[in-house]
Amino acid sequence: MISVAGYNAGLLESHRDFHDMVVRLRENIDRHQLSPFLNRFNFNPDPERCWRQVEEIFAVNNPRLCAEFARQFCADHDPRTAGLKRIKCPNLVLVGEHDIYQRKPSEQIARCAVRGTERILPSNLRTYHRE
């Protein structure tokens, strides 16, 4: 098994031109190992912004930033959910239908919280807890 940092070190070594890498990734998204995560950009109201962010992160050529990016998209999130068990009242977790960046953390918070319920807000409504 390779770590995220190891994966990204290899990625950085083998792909020096990150713009071309992102172009090839977009052209062959269904065959790429990150496709379950990156192809969801098309559900975002501004998918081009999402792809620009990916390219900016890769272009910095910093393994630490690339590893953090991959950790957020590919690994199970750890939002320090242990404290959620101490909350005794019902928990309602809201996430926007097109808010793909927060889907997985929202699901985990709802799952870990006592009497947690996740609701997906339809249309272009978004949650703004990090913006």
N, C-alpha and C. Protein backbone atom coordinates (compact mmCIF):
# COMPACT_ATOMS: atom_id res chain seq x y z
N MET A 1 0.85 -1.18 0.00
CA MET A 1 0.00 0.00 0.00
C MET A 1 0.89 1.24 0.00
N ILE A 2 0.53 2.21 -0.78
CA ILE A 2 1.29 3.45 -0.85
C ILE A 2 0.54 4.55 -0.11
N SER A 3 1.30 5.39 0.57
CA SER A 3 0.67 6.50 1.29
C SER A 3 0.28 7.59 0.31
N VAL A 4 -0.56 8.51 0.78
CA VAL A 4 -0.95 9.65 -0.06
C VAL A 4 0.29 10.48 -0.40
N ALA A 5 1.17 10.67 0.60
CA ALA A 5 2.39 11.44 0.35
C ALA A 5 3.27 10.73 -0.69
N GLY A 6 3.37 9.40 -0.58
CA GLY A 6 4.15 8.63 -1.55
C GLY A 6 3.56 8.71 -2.94
N TYR A 7 2.23 8.61 -3.00
CA TYR A 7 1.54 8.72 -4.29
C TYR A 7 1.84 10.08 -4.93
N ASN A 8 1.74 11.13 -4.13
CA ASN A 8 1.94 12.47 -4.68
C ASN A 8 3.39 12.75 -5.01
N ALA A 9 4.32 12.17 -4.26
CA ALA A 9 5.74 12.33 -4.61
C ALA A 9 5.99 11.71 -5.98
N GLY A 10 5.43 10.52 -6.22
CA GLY A 10 5.55 9.90 -7.54
C GLY A 10 4.85 10.70 -8.61
N LEU A 11 3.70 11.24 -8.28
CA LEU A 11 2.94 12.07 -9.22
C LEU A 11 3.76 13.29 -9.61
N LEU A 12 4.36 13.95 -8.62
CA LEU A 12 5.15 15.15 -8.90
C LEU A 12 6.38 14.82 -9.73
N GLU A 13 6.99 13.67 -9.45
CA GLU A 13 8.19 13.28 -10.18
C GLU A 13 7.88 12.95 -11.63
N SER A 14 6.75 12.30 -11.86
CA SER A 14 6.44 11.85 -13.22
C SER A 14 5.72 12.90 -14.07
N HIS A 15 5.17 13.92 -13.45
CA HIS A 15 4.43 14.95 -14.20
C HIS A 15 4.96 16.33 -13.83
N ARG A 16 5.86 16.82 -14.65
CA ARG A 16 6.42 18.14 -14.39
C ARG A 16 5.54 19.26 -14.94
N ASP A 17 4.82 19.00 -15.99
CA ASP A 17 3.97 20.02 -16.58
C ASP A 17 2.53 19.75 -16.14
N PHE A 18 2.12 20.42 -15.09
CA PHE A 18 0.84 20.12 -14.48
C PHE A 18 -0.35 20.59 -15.30
N HIS A 19 -0.16 21.62 -16.10
CA HIS A 19 -1.27 22.04 -16.96
C HIS A 19 -1.62 20.92 -17.94
N ASP A 20 -0.60 20.35 -18.57
CA ASP A 20 -0.85 19.23 -19.50
C ASP A 20 -1.44 18.03 -18.77
N MET A 21 -0.97 17.79 -17.54
CA MET A 21 -1.50 16.66 -16.78
C MET A 21 -2.99 16.84 -16.50
N VAL A 22 -3.40 18.05 -16.13
CA VAL A 22 -4.81 18.31 -15.84
C VAL A 22 -5.63 18.20 -17.12
N VAL A 23 -5.09 18.67 -18.24
CA VAL A 23 -5.80 18.54 -19.53
C VAL A 23 -6.01 17.06 -19.85
N ARG A 24 -4.94 16.24 -19.70
CA ARG A 24 -5.07 14.80 -19.97
C ARG A 24 -6.04 14.15 -18.98
N LEU A 25 -5.99 14.57 -17.74
CA LEU A 25 -6.90 14.03 -16.73
C LEU A 25 -8.35 14.30 -17.11
N ARG A 26 -8.63 15.52 -17.53
CA ARG A 26 -10.00 15.87 -17.93
C ARG A 26 -10.46 15.09 -19.16
N GLU A 27 -9.54 14.85 -20.08
CA GLU A 27 -9.89 14.11 -21.30
C GLU A 27 -10.18 12.64 -21.01
N ASN A 28 -9.55 12.09 -19.99
CA ASN A 28 -9.68 10.66 -19.68
C ASN A 28 -10.18 10.44 -18.26
N ILE A 29 -11.07 11.28 -17.80
CA ILE A 29 -11.48 11.25 -16.39
C ILE A 29 -12.07 9.91 -15.98
N ASP A 30 -12.78 9.25 -16.86
CA ASP A 30 -13.42 7.98 -16.49
C ASP A 30 -12.42 6.86 -16.24
N ARG A 31 -11.22 6.98 -16.79
CA ARG A 31 -10.22 5.92 -16.61
C ARG A 31 -9.21 6.25 -15.52
N HIS A 32 -9.29 7.41 -14.91
CA HIS A 32 -8.32 7.81 -13.89
C HIS A 32 -8.76 7.32 -12.52
N GLN A 33 -7.77 6.99 -11.67
CA GLN A 33 -8.10 6.46 -10.35
C GLN A 33 -8.79 7.48 -9.45
N LEU A 34 -8.68 8.75 -9.75
CA LEU A 34 -9.38 9.76 -8.96
C LEU A 34 -10.75 10.11 -9.53
N SER A 35 -11.16 9.42 -10.59
CA SER A 35 -12.41 9.77 -11.27
C SER A 35 -13.63 9.76 -10.36
N PRO A 36 -13.76 8.87 -9.37
CA PRO A 36 -14.96 8.94 -8.52
C PRO A 36 -15.09 10.28 -7.79
N PHE A 37 -13.97 10.99 -7.64
CA PHE A 37 -14.00 12.25 -6.91
C PHE A 37 -14.01 13.44 -7.87
N LEU A 38 -13.11 13.42 -8.85
CA LEU A 38 -12.96 14.58 -9.72
C LEU A 38 -14.08 14.71 -10.74
N ASN A 39 -14.69 13.61 -11.18
CA ASN A 39 -15.74 13.76 -12.18
C ASN A 39 -17.01 14.36 -11.58
N ARG A 40 -17.05 14.52 -10.27
CA ARG A 40 -18.20 15.19 -9.65
C ARG A 40 -18.13 16.71 -9.84
N PHE A 41 -17.01 17.21 -10.32
CA PHE A 41 -16.91 18.64 -10.60
C PHE A 41 -18.00 19.08 -11.57
N ASN A 42 -18.42 18.19 -12.45
CA ASN A 42 -19.44 18.54 -13.43
C ASN A 42 -20.78 18.84 -12.78
N PHE A 43 -20.98 18.43 -11.53
CA PHE A 43 -22.22 18.72 -10.83
C PHE A 43 -22.17 20.07 -10.12
N ASN A 44 -20.99 20.67 -10.07
CA ASN A 44 -20.83 21.97 -9.43
C ASN A 44 -21.32 23.04 -10.39
N PRO A 45 -21.94 24.12 -9.87
CA PRO A 45 -22.40 25.19 -10.75
C PRO A 45 -21.27 25.83 -11.57
N ASP A 46 -20.02 25.76 -11.06
CA ASP A 46 -18.88 26.33 -11.78
C ASP A 46 -17.75 25.30 -11.85
N PRO A 47 -17.88 24.27 -12.70
CA PRO A 47 -16.85 23.23 -12.75
C PRO A 47 -15.49 23.75 -13.18
N GLU A 48 -15.45 24.79 -13.99
CA GLU A 48 -14.16 25.34 -14.42
C GLU A 48 -13.37 25.89 -13.24
N ARG A 49 -14.06 26.49 -12.29
CA ARG A 49 -13.38 26.99 -11.08
C ARG A 49 -12.75 25.83 -10.32
N CYS A 50 -13.47 24.72 -10.22
CA CYS A 50 -12.94 23.54 -9.52
C CYS A 50 -11.68 23.03 -10.19
N TRP A 51 -11.71 22.94 -11.52
CA TRP A 51 -10.53 22.46 -12.25
C TRP A 51 -9.37 23.43 -12.14
N ARG A 52 -9.66 24.74 -12.13
CA ARG A 52 -8.58 25.72 -11.94
C ARG A 52 -7.91 25.54 -10.59
N GLN A 53 -8.70 25.24 -9.56
CA GLN A 53 -8.13 25.02 -8.23
C GLN A 53 -7.24 23.79 -8.22
N VAL A 54 -7.66 22.73 -8.88
CA VAL A 54 -6.82 21.52 -8.97
C VAL A 54 -5.50 21.86 -9.64
N GLU A 55 -5.59 22.57 -10.75
CA GLU A 55 -4.37 22.92 -11.48
C GLU A 55 -3.46 23.83 -10.65
N GLU A 56 -4.04 24.78 -9.93
CA GLU A 56 -3.23 25.66 -9.08
C GLU A 56 -2.51 24.88 -7.99
N ILE A 57 -3.21 23.93 -7.39
CA ILE A 57 -2.59 23.13 -6.33
C ILE A 57 -1.45 22.29 -6.90
N PHE A 58 -1.69 21.62 -8.03
CA PHE A 58 -0.64 20.80 -8.63
C PHE A 58 0.52 21.66 -9.14
N ALA A 59 0.21 22.84 -9.68
CA ALA A 59 1.24 23.68 -10.30
C ALA A 59 2.25 24.20 -9.29
N VAL A 60 1.86 24.31 -8.05
CA VAL A 60 2.79 24.79 -7.03
C VAL A 60 3.94 23.81 -6.88
N ASN A 61 3.71 22.56 -7.31
CA ASN A 61 4.73 21.51 -7.26
C ASN A 61 5.21 21.28 -5.83
N ASN A 62 4.26 21.33 -4.90
CA ASN A 62 4.57 21.14 -3.49
C ASN A 62 3.92 19.83 -3.03
N PRO A 63 4.71 18.82 -2.73
CA PRO A 63 4.13 17.53 -2.33
C PRO A 63 3.19 17.63 -1.13
N ARG A 64 3.47 18.54 -0.22
CA ARG A 64 2.62 18.68 0.96
C ARG A 64 1.22 19.18 0.57
N LEU A 65 1.15 20.18 -0.31
CA LEU A 65 -0.16 20.67 -0.76
C LEU A 65 -0.89 19.61 -1.58
N CYS A 66 -0.17 18.91 -2.44
CA CYS A 66 -0.82 17.86 -3.23
C CYS A 66 -1.32 16.74 -2.34
N ALA A 67 -0.54 16.38 -1.31
CA ALA A 67 -0.97 15.34 -0.39
C ALA A 67 -2.21 15.77 0.38
N GLU A 68 -2.25 17.03 0.79
CA GLU A 68 -3.43 17.53 1.50
C GLU A 68 -4.66 17.52 0.59
N PHE A 69 -4.47 17.91 -0.66
CA PHE A 69 -5.57 17.86 -1.62
C PHE A 69 -6.08 16.43 -1.78
N ALA A 70 -5.18 15.49 -1.99
CA ALA A 70 -5.59 14.10 -2.17
C ALA A 70 -6.24 13.56 -0.90
N ARG A 71 -5.73 13.94 0.26
CA ARG A 71 -6.31 13.47 1.52
C ARG A 71 -7.76 13.92 1.63
N GLN A 72 -8.02 15.16 1.27
CA GLN A 72 -9.38 15.68 1.38
C GLN A 72 -10.33 15.01 0.39
N PHE A 73 -9.84 14.65 -0.78
CA PHE A 73 -10.71 14.06 -1.79
C PHE A 73 -10.78 12.55 -1.72
N CYS A 74 -9.70 11.90 -1.32
CA CYS A 74 -9.62 10.45 -1.44
C CYS A 74 -9.72 9.70 -0.13
N ALA A 75 -9.37 10.32 0.94
CA ALA A 75 -9.35 9.63 2.23
C ALA A 75 -10.63 9.92 3.00
N ASP A 76 -10.86 9.10 3.97
CA ASP A 76 -12.01 9.33 4.84
C ASP A 76 -11.70 10.56 5.69
N HIS A 77 -12.62 11.46 5.78
CA HIS A 77 -12.39 12.70 6.52
C HIS A 77 -12.41 12.43 8.02
N ASP A 78 -11.64 13.21 8.74
CA ASP A 78 -11.61 13.10 10.19
C ASP A 78 -11.91 14.46 10.79
N PRO A 79 -13.16 14.86 10.84
CA PRO A 79 -13.48 16.18 11.38
C PRO A 79 -13.55 16.21 12.90
N ARG A 80 -12.81 15.29 13.53
CA ARG A 80 -12.79 15.20 15.00
C ARG A 80 -14.21 15.03 15.54
N THR A 81 -14.82 13.95 15.10
CA THR A 81 -16.23 13.71 15.39
C THR A 81 -16.49 13.16 16.79
N ALA A 82 -15.45 12.86 17.54
CA ALA A 82 -15.67 12.28 18.87
C ALA A 82 -16.52 13.19 19.75
N GLY A 83 -16.33 14.49 19.65
CA GLY A 83 -17.09 15.43 20.46
C GLY A 83 -18.57 15.48 20.12
N LEU A 84 -18.92 15.02 18.93
CA LEU A 84 -20.33 15.03 18.53
C LEU A 84 -21.18 14.10 19.38
N LYS A 85 -20.58 13.07 19.94
CA LYS A 85 -21.32 12.11 20.77
C LYS A 85 -21.81 12.76 22.06
N ARG A 86 -21.16 13.84 22.47
CA ARG A 86 -21.55 14.50 23.74
C ARG A 86 -22.75 15.42 23.58
N ILE A 87 -23.11 15.76 22.35
CA ILE A 87 -24.26 16.62 22.12
C ILE A 87 -25.51 15.76 22.24
N LYS A 88 -26.41 16.13 23.13
CA LYS A 88 -27.58 15.30 23.42
C LYS A 88 -28.80 15.62 22.56
N CYS A 89 -28.88 16.81 22.00
CA CYS A 89 -30.06 17.18 21.21
C CYS A 89 -29.91 16.65 19.78
N PRO A 90 -31.00 16.59 19.03
CA PRO A 90 -30.91 16.15 17.63
C PRO A 90 -30.01 17.08 16.82
N ASN A 91 -29.35 16.52 15.84
CA ASN A 91 -28.43 17.27 14.99
C ASN A 91 -28.91 17.22 13.54
N LEU A 92 -29.09 18.38 12.95
CA LEU A 92 -29.47 18.47 11.55
C LEU A 92 -28.28 19.02 10.78
N VAL A 93 -27.79 18.26 9.82
CA VAL A 93 -26.65 18.66 9.01
C VAL A 93 -27.18 18.99 7.62
N LEU A 94 -26.96 20.23 7.18
CA LEU A 94 -27.45 20.68 5.88
C LEU A 94 -26.29 20.78 4.90
N VAL A 95 -26.53 20.36 3.68
CA VAL A 95 -25.52 20.47 2.63
C VAL A 95 -26.25 20.75 1.32
N GLY A 96 -25.65 21.59 0.48
CA GLY A 96 -26.26 21.92 -0.80
C GLY A 96 -26.12 20.77 -1.80
N GLU A 97 -27.09 20.64 -2.66
CA GLU A 97 -27.11 19.57 -3.66
C GLU A 97 -25.86 19.59 -4.54
N HIS A 98 -25.37 20.78 -4.86
CA HIS A 98 -24.20 20.91 -5.72
C HIS A 98 -22.93 21.23 -4.94
N ASP A 99 -22.98 21.15 -3.65
CA ASP A 99 -21.84 21.48 -2.79
C ASP A 99 -20.98 20.24 -2.61
N ILE A 100 -20.31 19.82 -3.68
CA ILE A 100 -19.64 18.52 -3.68
C ILE A 100 -18.49 18.45 -2.68
N TYR A 101 -17.88 19.58 -2.35
CA TYR A 101 -16.75 19.53 -1.43
C TYR A 101 -17.16 19.13 -0.02
N GLN A 102 -18.40 19.39 0.35
CA GLN A 102 -18.83 19.13 1.72
C GLN A 102 -19.69 17.88 1.87
N ARG A 103 -19.95 17.17 0.80
CA ARG A 103 -20.83 16.00 0.87
C ARG A 103 -20.32 14.95 1.85
N LYS A 104 -19.08 14.51 1.66
CA LYS A 104 -18.55 13.43 2.49
C LYS A 104 -18.43 13.84 3.95
N PRO A 105 -17.88 15.03 4.27
CA PRO A 105 -17.84 15.43 5.68
C PRO A 105 -19.23 15.54 6.29
N SER A 106 -20.20 16.03 5.53
CA SER A 106 -21.57 16.15 6.05
C SER A 106 -22.15 14.78 6.38
N GLU A 107 -21.93 13.82 5.50
CA GLU A 107 -22.41 12.47 5.75
C GLU A 107 -21.79 11.90 7.02
N GLN A 108 -20.49 12.14 7.19
CA GLN A 108 -19.80 11.60 8.36
C GLN A 108 -20.28 12.27 9.64
N ILE A 109 -20.47 13.56 9.62
CA ILE A 109 -20.96 14.26 10.81
C ILE A 109 -22.34 13.75 11.19
N ALA A 110 -23.22 13.61 10.21
CA ALA A 110 -24.57 13.11 10.50
C ALA A 110 -24.52 11.68 11.04
N ARG A 111 -23.62 10.88 10.52
CA ARG A 111 -23.50 9.49 10.96
C ARG A 111 -22.94 9.40 12.39
N CYS A 112 -22.00 10.28 12.74
CA CYS A 112 -21.35 10.22 14.05
C CYS A 112 -22.12 10.94 15.14
N ALA A 113 -22.97 11.85 14.78
CA ALA A 113 -23.72 12.63 15.78
C ALA A 113 -24.87 11.80 16.34
N VAL A 114 -25.16 12.04 17.62
CA VAL A 114 -26.31 11.39 18.24
C VAL A 114 -27.57 11.93 17.57
N ARG A 115 -28.42 11.08 17.12
CA ARG A 115 -29.64 11.46 16.41
C ARG A 115 -29.34 12.44 15.28
N GLY A 116 -28.29 12.16 14.54
CA GLY A 116 -27.90 13.02 13.43
C GLY A 116 -28.70 12.71 12.17
N THR A 117 -29.08 13.76 11.48
CA THR A 117 -29.82 13.63 10.23
C THR A 117 -29.20 14.57 9.21
N GLU A 118 -28.97 14.05 8.02
CA GLU A 118 -28.44 14.89 6.94
C GLU A 118 -29.58 15.21 5.98
N ARG A 119 -29.65 16.47 5.57
CA ARG A 119 -30.62 16.91 4.57
C ARG A 119 -29.86 17.62 3.46
N ILE A 120 -30.18 17.24 2.25
CA ILE A 120 -29.55 17.86 1.08
C ILE A 120 -30.50 18.92 0.55
N LEU A 121 -30.02 20.16 0.52
CA LEU A 121 -30.83 21.27 0.02
C LEU A 121 -30.81 21.26 -1.50
N PRO A 122 -31.96 21.32 -2.14
CA PRO A 122 -32.02 21.23 -3.60
C PRO A 122 -31.55 22.50 -4.30
N SER A 123 -31.35 22.37 -5.58
CA SER A 123 -31.07 23.48 -6.48
C SER A 123 -29.69 24.05 -6.22
N ASN A 124 -29.57 25.38 -6.31
CA ASN A 124 -28.28 26.04 -6.15
C ASN A 124 -28.06 26.56 -4.74
N LEU A 125 -28.88 26.15 -3.82
CA LEU A 125 -28.66 26.57 -2.44
C LEU A 125 -27.36 25.96 -1.94
N ARG A 126 -26.63 26.71 -1.11
CA ARG A 126 -25.35 26.23 -0.61
C ARG A 126 -25.26 26.49 0.88
N THR A 127 -24.40 25.73 1.53
CA THR A 127 -24.09 26.01 2.92
C THR A 127 -22.84 26.88 2.93
N TYR A 128 -22.75 27.76 3.90
CA TYR A 128 -21.64 28.72 3.93
C TYR A 128 -20.81 28.62 5.20
N HIS A 129 -20.72 27.47 5.80
CA HIS A 129 -20.00 27.37 7.05
C HIS A 129 -18.50 27.55 6.90
N ARG A 130 -17.94 27.47 5.70
CA ARG A 130 -16.51 27.66 5.52
C ARG A 130 -16.19 28.83 4.61
N GLU A 131 -17.17 29.53 4.14
CA GLU A 131 -16.90 30.56 3.14
C GLU A 131 -16.94 31.95 3.73
